[in-house]
Amino acid sequence: MPDPPPGLSWEGLMDMALAQARLAAAEGEVPVGAVLAGPDGRLLAQCRNAPVALRDPTAHAEILALRAGAAVVGNYRLNGCVLAVTLEPCAMCAAALVHARLAGLVYGAADALAGAVTS
């Protein structure tokens, strides 16, 4: 596994993602949270699942984090960025991560039903 971005730890990033997942659960969403960090360790996005609230089937935590991060960076290419997410990304999110050209992905739990990274 590569080193986390400067000034961050994998555990710290996952703790932030878990906090987002708890907020999603409290809002009646599937409890998934994601945190996007830049290559310099700057936090670019902290997001949670919101397809119910946004009435958008693509409003997964990972997609929302990519959108927010791209807005901060000013480019859809998120070179050098890493994403920490609480659950293994689905096929839609995994493809989006590839297109965003992330440097890395860390996820907390495998998803045997819909995971598309290793499951």
C-alpha atoms as a PDB file:
ATOM      1  CA  MET A   1       0.000   0.000   0.000  1.00  0.00           C
ATOM      2  CA  PRO A   2       1.325   3.472  -0.831  1.00  0.00           C
ATOM      3  CA  ASP A   3       1.919   6.085   1.829  1.00  0.00           C
ATOM      4  CA  PRO A   4      -0.983   8.389   2.660  1.00  0.00           C
ATOM      5  CA  PRO A   5      -0.797  12.023   1.521  1.00  0.00           C
ATOM      6  CA  PRO A   6       1.524  14.259   3.589  1.00  0.00           C
ATOM      7  CA  GLY A   7       0.178  15.072   7.045  1.00  0.00           C
ATOM      8  CA  LEU A   8      -2.587  12.465   6.841  1.00  0.00           C
ATOM      9  CA  SER A   9      -3.008   8.849   7.848  1.00  0.00           C
ATOM     10  CA  TRP A  10      -5.177   6.176   6.296  1.00  0.00           C
ATOM     11  CA  GLU A  11      -6.883   5.766   9.674  1.00  0.00           C
ATOM     12  CA  GLY A  12      -7.587   9.487   9.907  1.00  0.00           C
ATOM     13  CA  LEU A  13      -9.034   9.608   6.408  1.00  0.00           C
ATOM     14  CA  MET A  14     -11.203   6.572   7.112  1.00  0.00           C
ATOM     15  CA  ASP A  15     -12.406   8.115  10.384  1.00  0.00           C
ATOM     16  CA  MET A  16     -13.574  11.162   8.399  1.00  0.00           C
ATOM     17  CA  ALA A  17     -15.272   8.916   5.839  1.00  0.00           C
ATOM     18  CA  LEU A  18     -16.998   6.984   8.635  1.00  0.00           C
ATOM     19  CA  ALA A  19     -18.282  10.248  10.110  1.00  0.00           C
ATOM     20  CA  GLN A  20     -19.829  11.034   6.716  1.00  0.00           C
ATOM     21  CA  ALA A  21     -21.355   7.537   6.561  1.00  0.00           C
ATOM     22  CA  ARG A  22     -22.969   8.084   9.973  1.00  0.00           C
ATOM     23  CA  LEU A  23     -24.501  11.337   8.699  1.00  0.00           C
ATOM     24  CA  ALA A  24     -25.834   9.503   5.641  1.00  0.00           C
ATOM     25  CA  ALA A  25     -27.432   6.855   7.857  1.00  0.00           C
ATOM     26  CA  ALA A  26     -29.039   9.530  10.038  1.00  0.00           C
ATOM     27  CA  GLU A  27     -30.514  11.048   6.852  1.00  0.00           C
ATOM     28  CA  GLY A  28     -32.013   7.714   5.741  1.00  0.00           C
ATOM     29  CA  GLU A  29     -29.386   7.038   3.077  1.00  0.00           C
ATOM     30  CA  VAL A  30     -27.222   3.964   2.619  1.00  0.00           C
ATOM     31  CA  PRO A  31     -24.360   4.703   5.048  1.00  0.00           C
ATOM     32  CA  VAL A  32     -21.405   5.346   2.770  1.00  0.00           C
ATOM     33  CA  GLY A  33     -18.916   8.169   3.222  1.00  0.00           C
ATOM     34  CA  ALA A  34     -15.948   9.309   1.150  1.00  0.00           C
ATOM     35  CA  VAL A  35     -13.021  11.687   1.651  1.00  0.00           C
ATOM     36  CA  LEU A  36     -10.833  12.963  -1.180  1.00  0.00           C
ATOM     37  CA  ALA A  37      -7.319  14.198  -0.425  1.00  0.00           C
ATOM     38  CA  GLY A  38      -4.957  15.980  -2.770  1.00  0.00           C
ATOM     39  CA  PRO A  39      -1.336  14.987  -3.351  1.00  0.00           C
ATOM     40  CA  ASP A  40      -0.250  17.717  -0.930  1.00  0.00           C
ATOM     41  CA  GLY A  41      -2.508  16.387   1.849  1.00  0.00           C
ATOM     42  CA  ARG A  42      -5.172  19.056   1.406  1.00  0.00           C
ATOM     43  CA  LEU A  43      -8.711  17.782   1.945  1.00  0.00           C
ATOM     44  CA  LEU A  44     -10.640  18.414  -1.249  1.00  0.00           C
ATOM     45  CA  ALA A  45     -13.997  16.851  -0.335  1.00  0.00           C
ATOM     46  CA  GLN A  46     -15.898  15.043   2.381  1.00  0.00           C
ATOM     47  CA  CYS A  47     -19.131  13.539   1.058  1.00  0.00           C
ATOM     48  CA  ARG A  48     -21.800  10.993   1.824  1.00  0.00           C
ATOM     49  CA  ASN A  49     -24.414   9.076  -0.117  1.00  0.00           C
ATOM     50  CA  ALA A  50     -27.339  11.279  -1.113  1.00  0.00           C
ATOM     51  CA  PRO A  51     -29.372   9.633  -3.911  1.00  0.00           C
ATOM     52  CA  VAL A  52     -32.591   9.837  -1.885  1.00  0.00           C
ATOM     53  CA  ALA A  53     -32.140  13.468  -0.833  1.00  0.00           C
ATOM     54  CA  LEU A  54     -30.967  14.617  -4.256  1.00  0.00           C
ATOM     55  CA  ARG A  55     -33.319  12.331  -6.206  1.00  0.00           C
ATOM     56  CA  ASP A  56     -30.293  11.288  -8.208  1.00  0.00           C
ATOM     57  CA  PRO A  57     -29.266   7.653  -8.686  1.00  0.00           C
ATOM     58  CA  THR A  58     -25.668   8.752  -9.312  1.00  0.00           C
ATOM     59  CA  ALA A  59     -25.337  10.677  -6.027  1.00  0.00           C
ATOM     60  CA  HIS A  60     -23.043   8.103  -4.434  1.00  0.00           C
ATOM     61  CA  ALA A  61     -20.471   9.409  -1.955  1.00  0.00           C
ATOM     62  CA  GLU A  62     -17.614   8.691  -4.357  1.00  0.00           C
ATOM     63  CA  ILE A  63     -19.226  10.542  -7.284  1.00  0.00           C
ATOM     64  CA  LEU A  64     -20.067  13.541  -5.111  1.00  0.00           C
ATOM     65  CA  ALA A  65     -16.490  13.602  -3.809  1.00  0.00           C
ATOM     66  CA  LEU A  66     -15.087  13.497  -7.347  1.00  0.00           C
ATOM     67  CA  ARG A  67     -17.380  16.334  -8.425  1.00  0.00           C
ATOM     68  CA  ALA A  68     -16.462  18.477  -5.423  1.00  0.00           C
ATOM     69  CA  GLY A  69     -12.755  17.729  -5.799  1.00  0.00           C
ATOM     70  CA  ALA A  70     -12.799  18.533  -9.514  1.00  0.00           C
ATOM     71  CA  ALA A  71     -14.449  21.874  -8.728  1.00  0.00           C
ATOM     72  CA  VAL A  72     -11.728  22.710  -6.189  1.00  0.00           C
ATOM     73  CA  VAL A  73      -8.883  21.640  -8.480  1.00  0.00           C
ATOM     74  CA  GLY A  74     -10.471  23.111 -11.602  1.00  0.00           C
ATOM     75  CA  ASN A  75      -9.981  19.935 -13.603  1.00  0.00           C
ATOM     76  CA  TYR A  76     -11.711  16.573 -13.917  1.00  0.00           C
ATOM     77  CA  ARG A  77      -8.294  14.935 -13.749  1.00  0.00           C
ATOM     78  CA  LEU A  78      -7.510  14.385 -10.106  1.00  0.00           C
ATOM     79  CA  ASN A  79      -3.912  13.281 -10.623  1.00  0.00           C
ATOM     80  CA  GLY A  80      -2.148  12.431  -7.380  1.00  0.00           C
ATOM     81  CA  CYS A  81      -5.366  12.449  -5.343  1.00  0.00           C
ATOM     82  CA  VAL A  82      -6.522   9.572  -3.157  1.00  0.00           C
ATOM     83  CA  LEU A  83     -10.015   8.604  -2.094  1.00  0.00           C
ATOM     84  CA  ALA A  84     -10.925   6.920   1.186  1.00  0.00           C
ATOM     85  CA  VAL A  85     -14.401   5.393   1.124  1.00  0.00           C
ATOM     86  CA  THR A  86     -16.171   3.233   3.676  1.00  0.00           C
ATOM     87  CA  LEU A  87     -17.494   0.639   1.212  1.00  0.00           C
ATOM     88  CA  GLU A  88     -15.997  -0.899  -1.912  1.00  0.00           C
ATOM     89  CA  PRO A  89     -17.114   1.176  -4.910  1.00  0.00           C
ATOM     90  CA  CYS A  90     -19.759  -0.117  -7.295  1.00  0.00           C
ATOM     91  CA  ALA A  91     -19.144  -0.425 -11.057  1.00  0.00           C
ATOM     92  CA  MET A  92     -20.321   3.135 -11.753  1.00  0.00           C
ATOM     93  CA  CYS A  93     -18.076   4.627  -9.080  1.00  0.00           C
ATOM     94  CA  ALA A  94     -15.099   2.419  -9.960  1.00  0.00           C
ATOM     95  CA  ALA A  95     -15.283   3.565 -13.584  1.00  0.00           C
ATOM     96  CA  ALA A  96     -15.532   7.209 -12.503  1.00  0.00           C
ATOM     97  CA  LEU A  97     -12.455   6.777 -10.299  1.00  0.00           C
ATOM     98  CA  VAL A  98     -10.496   5.463 -13.272  1.00  0.00           C
ATOM     99  CA  HIS A  99     -11.624   8.354 -15.477  1.00  0.00           C
ATOM    100  CA  ALA A 100     -10.650  10.842 -12.752  1.00  0.00           C
ATOM    101  CA  ARG A 101      -7.157   9.318 -12.800  1.00  0.00           C
ATOM    102  CA  LEU A 102      -6.839   9.011  -9.047  1.00  0.00           C
ATOM    103  CA  ALA A 103      -3.525   7.916  -7.615  1.00  0.00           C
ATOM    104  CA  GLY A 104      -5.139   5.615  -5.095  1.00  0.00           C
ATOM    105  CA  LEU A 105      -8.205   4.208  -3.397  1.00  0.00           C
ATOM    106  CA  VAL A 106      -8.640   2.898   0.122  1.00  0.00           C
ATOM    107  CA  TYR A 107     -11.935   1.335   1.175  1.00  0.00           C
ATOM    108  CA  GLY A 108     -13.073  -0.011   4.504  1.00  0.00           C
ATOM    109  CA  ALA A 109     -15.305  -2.966   3.641  1.00  0.00           C
ATOM    110  CA  ALA A 110     -15.743  -5.259   0.666  1.00  0.00           C
ATOM    111  CA  ASP A 111     -19.170  -5.314  -0.965  1.00  0.00           C
ATOM    112  CA  ALA A 112     -19.893  -8.829  -2.206  1.00  0.00           C
ATOM    113  CA  LEU A 113     -23.229  -7.707  -3.693  1.00  0.00           C
ATOM    114  CA  ALA A 114     -22.226  -4.656  -5.747  1.00  0.00           C
ATOM    115  CA  GLY A 115     -18.491  -4.089  -5.264  1.00  0.00           C
ATOM    116  CA  ALA A 116     -16.516  -3.706  -8.483  1.00  0.00           C
ATOM    117  CA  VAL A 117     -12.924  -3.263  -7.338  1.00  0.00           C
ATOM    118  CA  THR A 118     -11.966  -6.638  -5.912  1.00  0.00           C
ATOM    119  CA  SER A 119     -15.261  -8.347  -5.046  1.00  0.00           C
END
